[in-house]
Amino acid sequence: MAGTRGTGARTRGQTHPRPGSRPRRRRRAGLVPVLGAVVAGLLGLAFVPGPPDGEGARAVDAAAVGPVVPANGFSSSGGTGAIIVPAPAVAAPPSMVVPRPEVIRQAIVPPYVPVGAAPTLRPPPAKCGGYSTPRRITPTVVAGAGSATVTFPSDTSADVQRYRVQAVSQRLVTGTQPPHVVGTAPQRTGCGDVSLTLTGLTSGDHYVFWLEEQQVDPGNGRTLFVQVGSSEPVAIG
């Protein structure tokens, strides 16, 4: 056709490489902006001010570093996980608590009795049968010239047959002591006082009068004397 160039003719808008030269690569449209952003970022990091002198490094958020490992030693971030062997806990040293006794502070009230002074005891008058079982009677003694009259309440028990009173001298002599002065009184009917008089006592001496009851042992029938009372030392006139 007329006006048509051969196959070797150039078409408008097309560029054909020269013989013997490498073909040029077509530039990508987005490469230049990406490179510009990378260079700007590097320049920004180069001029970031560091921490002042004397201060430590910046605090790093632990949550941004990695997942938290649970206490059982296995990672929960997915994947195959890793076994973490925890370090053994340090055993606490043994401790011993020694109890202390409690001190109780209280006031002590002193007794209102003079030191060395014995109280005066006055037993009440004995009723018929005595104070208790066994009987304990304090007889009444009236001293005379070489004699003494002893008075005491009777005992209405069926086992008592009679009474015996012994005058025991409080003067000690060398060798064997003199025998006691003894007097007896019969049992009476009902409650009342029994009196007897002892003679042959030494004037000026002190005597203690023992009161005894003559009883019959119900087990073997034997007669025995049971002491039921005594007097204080009495001076004979």
C-alpha atoms as a PDB file:
ATOM      1  CA  MET A   1       0.000   0.000   0.000  1.00  0.00           C
ATOM      2  CA  ALA A   2       1.026   3.514  -0.749  1.00  0.00           C
ATOM      3  CA  GLY A   3       2.239   5.543   2.199  1.00  0.00           C
ATOM      4  CA  THR A   4       2.965   2.435   4.188  1.00  0.00           C
ATOM      5  CA  ARG A   5       6.450   2.093   5.464  1.00  0.00           C
ATOM      6  CA  GLY A   6       8.238  -1.193   5.688  1.00  0.00           C
ATOM      7  CA  THR A   7       8.446  -3.348   8.718  1.00  0.00           C
ATOM      8  CA  GLY A   8      11.604  -1.568   9.772  1.00  0.00           C
ATOM      9  CA  ALA A   9       9.777   1.759   9.986  1.00  0.00           C
ATOM     10  CA  ARG A  10       9.293   3.225  13.500  1.00  0.00           C
ATOM     11  CA  THR A  11       5.906   3.676  14.886  1.00  0.00           C
ATOM     12  CA  ARG A  12       5.204   6.906  16.787  1.00  0.00           C
ATOM     13  CA  GLY A  13       5.405   6.380  20.477  1.00  0.00           C
ATOM     14  CA  GLN A  14       7.636   3.314  20.310  1.00  0.00           C
ATOM     15  CA  THR A  15      11.292   3.271  21.086  1.00  0.00           C
ATOM     16  CA  HIS A  16      13.477   0.627  19.663  1.00  0.00           C
ATOM     17  CA  PRO A  17      16.814  -0.183  21.224  1.00  0.00           C
ATOM     18  CA  ARG A  18      19.917   0.565  19.415  1.00  0.00           C
ATOM     19  CA  PRO A  19      21.847  -2.320  18.067  1.00  0.00           C
ATOM     20  CA  GLY A  20      24.378  -3.648  20.664  1.00  0.00           C
ATOM     21  CA  SER A  21      22.871  -1.891  23.763  1.00  0.00           C
ATOM     22  CA  ARG A  22      21.012  -3.449  26.785  1.00  0.00           C
ATOM     23  CA  PRO A  23      17.328  -2.948  26.935  1.00  0.00           C
ATOM     24  CA  ARG A  24      16.270  -0.467  29.557  1.00  0.00           C
ATOM     25  CA  ARG A  25      14.047  -1.657  32.383  1.00  0.00           C
ATOM     26  CA  ARG A  26      10.842   0.109  32.785  1.00  0.00           C
ATOM     27  CA  ARG A  27      10.765   2.035  36.059  1.00  0.00           C
ATOM     28  CA  ARG A  28       8.018   1.182  38.458  1.00  0.00           C
ATOM     29  CA  ALA A  29       5.715   3.979  39.343  1.00  0.00           C
ATOM     30  CA  GLY A  30       5.648   3.414  43.186  1.00  0.00           C
ATOM     31  CA  LEU A  31       9.360   2.727  43.810  1.00  0.00           C
ATOM     32  CA  VAL A  32      10.411   6.339  44.193  1.00  0.00           C
ATOM     33  CA  PRO A  33       7.896   7.251  46.959  1.00  0.00           C
ATOM     34  CA  VAL A  34       8.787   4.122  48.973  1.00  0.00           C
ATOM     35  CA  LEU A  35      12.495   4.858  48.882  1.00  0.00           C
ATOM     36  CA  GLY A  36      11.805   8.430  49.911  1.00  0.00           C
ATOM     37  CA  ALA A  37       9.835   7.308  52.975  1.00  0.00           C
ATOM     38  CA  VAL A  38      12.591   4.888  54.062  1.00  0.00           C
ATOM     39  CA  VAL A  39      15.273   7.578  53.767  1.00  0.00           C
ATOM     40  CA  ALA A  40      13.141  10.044  55.745  1.00  0.00           C
ATOM     41  CA  GLY A  41      12.633   7.470  58.505  1.00  0.00           C
ATOM     42  CA  LEU A  42      16.341   6.738  58.778  1.00  0.00           C
ATOM     43  CA  LEU A  43      17.132  10.422  58.978  1.00  0.00           C
ATOM     44  CA  GLY A  44      14.500  10.845  61.708  1.00  0.00           C
ATOM     45  CA  LEU A  45      15.987   8.039  63.803  1.00  0.00           C
ATOM     46  CA  ALA A  46      19.462   9.515  63.434  1.00  0.00           C
ATOM     47  CA  PHE A  47      18.352  12.770  65.034  1.00  0.00           C
ATOM     48  CA  VAL A  48      16.234  11.264  67.879  1.00  0.00           C
ATOM     49  CA  PRO A  49      17.711  12.609  71.184  1.00  0.00           C
ATOM     50  CA  GLY A  50      19.006   9.965  73.610  1.00  0.00           C
ATOM     51  CA  PRO A  51      18.394   9.827  77.403  1.00  0.00           C
ATOM     52  CA  PRO A  52      20.174  12.448  79.524  1.00  0.00           C
ATOM     53  CA  ASP A  53      23.400  11.583  81.312  1.00  0.00           C
ATOM     54  CA  GLY A  54      22.897   9.788  84.646  1.00  0.00           C
ATOM     55  CA  GLU A  55      19.514   8.338  83.684  1.00  0.00           C
ATOM     56  CA  GLY A  56      18.888   4.733  82.822  1.00  0.00           C
ATOM     57  CA  ALA A  57      17.466   3.298  79.678  1.00  0.00           C
ATOM     58  CA  ARG A  58      13.869   3.855  78.736  1.00  0.00           C
ATOM     59  CA  ALA A  59      11.319   1.608  80.392  1.00  0.00           C
ATOM     60  CA  VAL A  60      10.124  -1.125  78.100  1.00  0.00           C
ATOM     61  CA  ASP A  61       6.576  -2.299  78.265  1.00  0.00           C
ATOM     62  CA  ALA A  62       6.616  -5.968  79.186  1.00  0.00           C
ATOM     63  CA  ALA A  63       3.371  -6.596  77.326  1.00  0.00           C
ATOM     64  CA  ALA A  64       4.952  -5.301  74.100  1.00  0.00           C
ATOM     65  CA  VAL A  65       7.998  -7.558  74.383  1.00  0.00           C
ATOM     66  CA  GLY A  66       6.310 -10.907  74.344  1.00  0.00           C
ATOM     67  CA  PRO A  67       3.508 -13.022  75.786  1.00  0.00           C
ATOM     68  CA  VAL A  68       3.395 -13.689  79.486  1.00  0.00           C
ATOM     69  CA  VAL A  69       4.450 -17.206  80.413  1.00  0.00           C
ATOM     70  CA  PRO A  70       1.920 -18.826  82.753  1.00  0.00           C
ATOM     71  CA  ALA A  71       2.979 -20.299  86.087  1.00  0.00           C
ATOM     72  CA  ASN A  72       2.731 -23.872  84.815  1.00  0.00           C
ATOM     73  CA  GLY A  73       5.802 -23.324  82.573  1.00  0.00           C
ATOM     74  CA  PHE A  74       4.087 -23.499  79.131  1.00  0.00           C
ATOM     75  CA  SER A  75       3.760 -20.604  76.717  1.00  0.00           C
ATOM     76  CA  SER A  76       0.225 -19.601  75.743  1.00  0.00           C
ATOM     77  CA  SER A  77       1.213 -17.579  72.643  1.00  0.00           C
ATOM     78  CA  GLY A  78       0.533 -20.426  70.254  1.00  0.00           C
ATOM     79  CA  GLY A  79       2.954 -22.530  68.288  1.00  0.00           C
ATOM     80  CA  THR A  80       4.748 -25.499  69.693  1.00  0.00           C
ATOM     81  CA  GLY A  81       5.467 -23.744  72.996  1.00  0.00           C
ATOM     82  CA  ALA A  82       8.487 -24.067  75.276  1.00  0.00           C
ATOM     83  CA  ILE A  83       8.900 -25.860  78.605  1.00  0.00           C
ATOM     84  CA  ILE A  84      10.236 -23.557  81.289  1.00  0.00           C
ATOM     85  CA  VAL A  85      11.681 -25.173  84.412  1.00  0.00           C
ATOM     86  CA  PRO A  86      11.041 -22.815  87.347  1.00  0.00           C
ATOM     87  CA  ALA A  87      13.824 -22.246  89.827  1.00  0.00           C
ATOM     88  CA  PRO A  88      13.321 -24.055  93.176  1.00  0.00           C
ATOM     89  CA  ALA A  89      11.921 -21.884  95.933  1.00  0.00           C
ATOM     90  CA  VAL A  90      14.280 -20.971  98.736  1.00  0.00           C
ATOM     91  CA  ALA A  91      13.267 -22.836 101.908  1.00  0.00           C
ATOM     92  CA  ALA A  92      12.557 -20.602 104.875  1.00  0.00           C
ATOM     93  CA  PRO A  93      14.797 -21.175 107.887  1.00  0.00           C
ATOM     94  CA  PRO A  94      13.128 -23.040 110.773  1.00  0.00           C
ATOM     95  CA  SER A  95      11.752 -20.857 113.508  1.00  0.00           C
ATOM     96  CA  MET A  96      10.877 -21.735 117.107  1.00  0.00           C
ATOM     97  CA  VAL A  97       8.661 -19.659 119.356  1.00  0.00           C
ATOM     98  CA  VAL A  98       9.489 -19.977 123.056  1.00  0.00           C
ATOM     99  CA  PRO A  99       6.411 -19.284 125.198  1.00  0.00           C
ATOM    100  CA  ARG A 100       6.863 -16.850 128.027  1.00  0.00           C
ATOM    101  CA  PRO A 101       4.988 -17.343 131.295  1.00  0.00           C
ATOM    102  CA  GLU A 102       2.421 -14.713 132.030  1.00  0.00           C
ATOM    103  CA  VAL A 103       3.148 -12.704 135.137  1.00  0.00           C
ATOM    104  CA  ILE A 104       0.036 -11.937 137.157  1.00  0.00           C
ATOM    105  CA  ARG A 105       0.512  -8.987 139.446  1.00  0.00           C
ATOM    106  CA  GLN A 106      -1.720  -8.900 142.473  1.00  0.00           C
ATOM    107  CA  ALA A 107      -1.604  -7.336 145.868  1.00  0.00           C
ATOM    108  CA  ILE A 108      -0.969  -9.460 148.957  1.00  0.00           C
ATOM    109  CA  VAL A 109      -2.927  -8.423 152.022  1.00  0.00           C
ATOM    110  CA  PRO A 110      -0.916  -9.111 155.200  1.00  0.00           C
ATOM    111  CA  PRO A 111      -2.776 -10.734 158.072  1.00  0.00           C
ATOM    112  CA  TYR A 112      -3.793  -8.366 160.852  1.00  0.00           C
ATOM    113  CA  VAL A 113      -2.293 -10.529 163.608  1.00  0.00           C
ATOM    114  CA  PRO A 114       0.826  -9.447 165.523  1.00  0.00           C
ATOM    115  CA  VAL A 115       3.838 -11.640 164.827  1.00  0.00           C
ATOM    116  CA  GLY A 116       4.511 -14.067 167.673  1.00  0.00           C
ATOM    117  CA  ALA A 117       1.173 -13.549 169.441  1.00  0.00           C
ATOM    118  CA  ALA A 118      -0.990 -16.677 169.566  1.00  0.00           C
ATOM    119  CA  PRO A 119      -4.761 -16.105 169.510  1.00  0.00           C
ATOM    120  CA  THR A 120      -6.775 -17.024 172.575  1.00  0.00           C
ATOM    121  CA  LEU A 121      -9.091 -19.945 171.878  1.00  0.00           C
ATOM    122  CA  ARG A 122     -12.185 -20.425 174.001  1.00  0.00           C
ATOM    123  CA  PRO A 123     -14.186 -23.537 173.060  1.00  0.00           C
ATOM    124  CA  PRO A 124     -17.933 -23.274 173.651  1.00  0.00           C
ATOM    125  CA  PRO A 125     -19.487 -25.206 176.506  1.00  0.00           C
ATOM    126  CA  ALA A 126     -19.812 -28.896 175.710  1.00  0.00           C
ATOM    127  CA  LYS A 127     -23.277 -30.282 175.331  1.00  0.00           C
ATOM    128  CA  CYS A 128     -24.323 -33.689 176.526  1.00  0.00           C
ATOM    129  CA  GLY A 129     -22.332 -36.232 174.541  1.00  0.00           C
ATOM    130  CA  GLY A 130     -19.416 -33.901 173.868  1.00  0.00           C
ATOM    131  CA  TYR A 131     -18.472 -31.816 170.846  1.00  0.00           C
ATOM    132  CA  SER A 132     -17.982 -34.485 168.231  1.00  0.00           C
ATOM    133  CA  THR A 133     -16.999 -38.091 167.617  1.00  0.00           C
ATOM    134  CA  PRO A 134     -14.543 -38.854 169.091  1.00  0.00           C
ATOM    135  CA  ARG A 135     -15.346 -36.522 171.989  1.00  0.00           C
ATOM    136  CA  ARG A 136     -13.046 -33.655 172.898  1.00  0.00           C
ATOM    137  CA  ILE A 137     -13.850 -32.070 176.247  1.00  0.00           C
ATOM    138  CA  THR A 138     -12.003 -29.366 178.176  1.00  0.00           C
ATOM    139  CA  PRO A 139     -12.754 -30.042 181.862  1.00  0.00           C
ATOM    140  CA  THR A 140     -13.088 -27.278 184.442  1.00  0.00           C
ATOM    141  CA  VAL A 141     -10.486 -27.468 187.255  1.00  0.00           C
ATOM    142  CA  VAL A 142     -10.721 -25.619 190.583  1.00  0.00           C
ATOM    143  CA  ALA A 143      -7.455 -25.855 192.560  1.00  0.00           C
ATOM    144  CA  GLY A 144      -7.355 -26.098 196.355  1.00  0.00           C
ATOM    145  CA  ALA A 145      -4.740 -26.773 199.072  1.00  0.00           C
ATOM    146  CA  GLY A 146      -3.043 -29.939 197.809  1.00  0.00           C
ATOM    147  CA  SER A 147      -6.194 -30.872 195.859  1.00  0.00           C
ATOM    148  CA  ALA A 148      -8.255 -30.063 192.753  1.00  0.00           C
ATOM    149  CA  THR A 149     -11.916 -30.493 191.809  1.00  0.00           C
ATOM    150  CA  VAL A 150     -12.528 -31.497 188.169  1.00  0.00           C
ATOM    151  CA  THR A 151     -15.948 -30.990 186.508  1.00  0.00           C
ATOM    152  CA  PHE A 152     -16.984 -32.165 183.022  1.00  0.00           C
ATOM    153  CA  PRO A 153     -20.209 -33.061 181.100  1.00  0.00           C
ATOM    154  CA  SER A 154     -21.363 -36.651 181.104  1.00  0.00           C
ATOM    155  CA  ASP A 155     -21.634 -38.953 178.103  1.00  0.00           C
ATOM    156  CA  THR A 156     -24.955 -40.758 177.728  1.00  0.00           C
ATOM    157  CA  SER A 157     -23.584 -43.420 175.400  1.00  0.00           C
ATOM    158  CA  ALA A 158     -24.389 -46.981 176.445  1.00  0.00           C
ATOM    159  CA  ASP A 159     -20.753 -47.990 176.016  1.00  0.00           C
ATOM    160  CA  VAL A 160     -19.517 -45.644 178.787  1.00  0.00           C
ATOM    161  CA  GLN A 161     -19.361 -47.300 182.207  1.00  0.00           C
ATOM    162  CA  ARG A 162     -17.448 -44.735 184.289  1.00  0.00           C
ATOM    163  CA  TYR A 163     -14.871 -41.895 184.075  1.00  0.00           C
ATOM    164  CA  ARG A 164     -11.230 -41.625 185.061  1.00  0.00           C
ATOM    165  CA  VAL A 165      -9.207 -38.447 185.723  1.00  0.00           C
ATOM    166  CA  GLN A 166      -5.372 -38.413 185.996  1.00  0.00           C
ATOM    167  CA  ALA A 167      -3.356 -35.513 187.397  1.00  0.00           C
ATOM    168  CA  VAL A 168       0.011 -35.343 185.551  1.00  0.00           C
ATOM    169  CA  SER A 169       2.724 -33.223 187.274  1.00  0.00           C
ATOM    170  CA  GLN A 170       4.675 -30.851 185.023  1.00  0.00           C
ATOM    171  CA  ARG A 171       7.765 -30.864 187.299  1.00  0.00           C
ATOM    172  CA  LEU A 172      10.491 -33.186 185.981  1.00  0.00           C
ATOM    173  CA  VAL A 173      12.695 -35.054 188.459  1.00  0.00           C
ATOM    174  CA  THR A 174      15.855 -37.112 188.021  1.00  0.00           C
ATOM    175  CA  GLY A 175      15.183 -40.746 187.269  1.00  0.00           C
ATOM    176  CA  THR A 176      11.723 -42.270 187.253  1.00  0.00           C
ATOM    177  CA  GLN A 177       8.843 -39.821 187.332  1.00  0.00           C
ATOM    178  CA  PRO A 178       6.349 -40.118 190.186  1.00  0.00           C
ATOM    179  CA  PRO A 179       3.068 -41.932 189.417  1.00  0.00           C
ATOM    180  CA  HIS A 180       0.014 -39.946 188.367  1.00  0.00           C
ATOM    181  CA  VAL A 181      -2.705 -39.108 190.859  1.00  0.00           C
ATOM    182  CA  VAL A 182      -5.828 -40.965 189.635  1.00  0.00           C
ATOM    183  CA  GLY A 183      -9.504 -40.505 190.503  1.00  0.00           C
ATOM    184  CA  THR A 184     -12.688 -42.191 189.157  1.00  0.00           C
ATOM    185  CA  ALA A 185     -16.360 -41.207 188.960  1.00  0.00           C
ATOM    186  CA  PRO A 186     -19.391 -43.385 188.111  1.00  0.00           C
ATOM    187  CA  GLN A 187     -21.681 -42.872 185.140  1.00  0.00           C
ATOM    188  CA  ARG A 188     -24.830 -40.890 185.816  1.00  0.00           C
ATOM    189  CA  THR A 189     -28.280 -41.038 184.295  1.00  0.00           C
ATOM    190  CA  GLY A 190     -29.104 -38.481 181.614  1.00  0.00           C
ATOM    191  CA  CYS A 191     -27.152 -35.387 180.703  1.00  0.00           C
ATOM    192  CA  GLY A 192     -25.428 -33.378 183.378  1.00  0.00           C
ATOM    193  CA  ASP A 193     -22.097 -32.555 184.962  1.00  0.00           C
ATOM    194  CA  VAL A 194     -19.837 -35.062 186.656  1.00  0.00           C
ATOM    195  CA  SER A 195     -17.457 -33.861 189.379  1.00  0.00           C
ATOM    196  CA  LEU A 196     -14.668 -35.515 191.356  1.00  0.00           C
ATOM    197  CA  THR A 197     -11.933 -34.268 193.683  1.00  0.00           C
ATOM    198  CA  LEU A 198      -8.292 -35.378 193.546  1.00  0.00           C
ATOM    199  CA  THR A 199      -6.138 -35.151 196.708  1.00  0.00           C
ATOM    200  CA  GLY A 200      -2.445 -35.764 197.415  1.00  0.00           C
ATOM    201  CA  LEU A 201      -1.224 -33.117 195.010  1.00  0.00           C
ATOM    202  CA  THR A 202       1.945 -31.071 195.698  1.00  0.00           C
ATOM    203  CA  SER A 203       1.249 -27.446 196.496  1.00  0.00           C
ATOM    204  CA  GLY A 204       3.001 -24.985 194.145  1.00  0.00           C
ATOM    205  CA  ASP A 205       3.337 -27.520 191.299  1.00  0.00           C
ATOM    206  CA  HIS A 206       1.447 -27.363 187.998  1.00  0.00           C
ATOM    207  CA  TYR A 207      -0.721 -30.272 186.893  1.00  0.00           C
ATOM    208  CA  VAL A 208      -2.470 -31.235 183.638  1.00  0.00           C
ATOM    209  CA  PHE A 209      -5.678 -33.263 184.141  1.00  0.00           C
ATOM    210  CA  TRP A 210      -6.473 -36.031 181.639  1.00  0.00           C
ATOM    211  CA  LEU A 211     -10.129 -37.029 181.206  1.00  0.00           C
ATOM    212  CA  GLU A 212     -10.864 -40.606 180.082  1.00  0.00           C
ATOM    213  CA  GLU A 213     -13.978 -42.700 179.569  1.00  0.00           C
ATOM    214  CA  GLN A 214     -14.064 -46.386 180.474  1.00  0.00           C
ATOM    215  CA  GLN A 215     -15.777 -48.226 177.603  1.00  0.00           C
ATOM    216  CA  VAL A 216     -16.383 -51.832 176.572  1.00  0.00           C
ATOM    217  CA  ASP A 217     -15.166 -52.910 173.149  1.00  0.00           C
ATOM    218  CA  PRO A 218     -18.211 -54.427 171.370  1.00  0.00           C
ATOM    219  CA  GLY A 219     -15.941 -56.652 169.274  1.00  0.00           C
ATOM    220  CA  ASN A 220     -14.121 -58.574 171.990  1.00  0.00           C
ATOM    221  CA  GLY A 221     -15.804 -57.374 175.206  1.00  0.00           C
ATOM    222  CA  ARG A 222     -12.599 -55.985 176.683  1.00  0.00           C
ATOM    223  CA  THR A 223     -12.538 -52.866 178.882  1.00  0.00           C
ATOM    224  CA  LEU A 224     -10.453 -49.900 177.705  1.00  0.00           C
ATOM    225  CA  PHE A 225      -9.996 -46.246 178.576  1.00  0.00           C
ATOM    226  CA  VAL A 226     -10.441 -43.652 175.809  1.00  0.00           C
ATOM    227  CA  GLN A 227      -9.021 -40.155 176.387  1.00  0.00           C
ATOM    228  CA  VAL A 228     -11.688 -37.584 175.517  1.00  0.00           C
ATOM    229  CA  GLY A 229     -10.164 -34.361 176.873  1.00  0.00           C
ATOM    230  CA  SER A 230      -7.453 -32.571 178.849  1.00  0.00           C
ATOM    231  CA  SER A 231      -6.982 -29.287 180.701  1.00  0.00           C
ATOM    232  CA  GLU A 232      -4.421 -26.528 180.620  1.00  0.00           C
ATOM    233  CA  PRO A 233      -1.639 -26.598 183.285  1.00  0.00           C
ATOM    234  CA  VAL A 234      -3.172 -25.626 186.642  1.00  0.00           C
ATOM    235  CA  ALA A 235      -1.133 -24.404 189.685  1.00  0.00           C
ATOM    236  CA  ILE A 236      -2.059 -26.165 192.956  1.00  0.00           C
ATOM    237  CA  GLY A 237      -2.379 -23.933 196.064  1.00  0.00           C
END
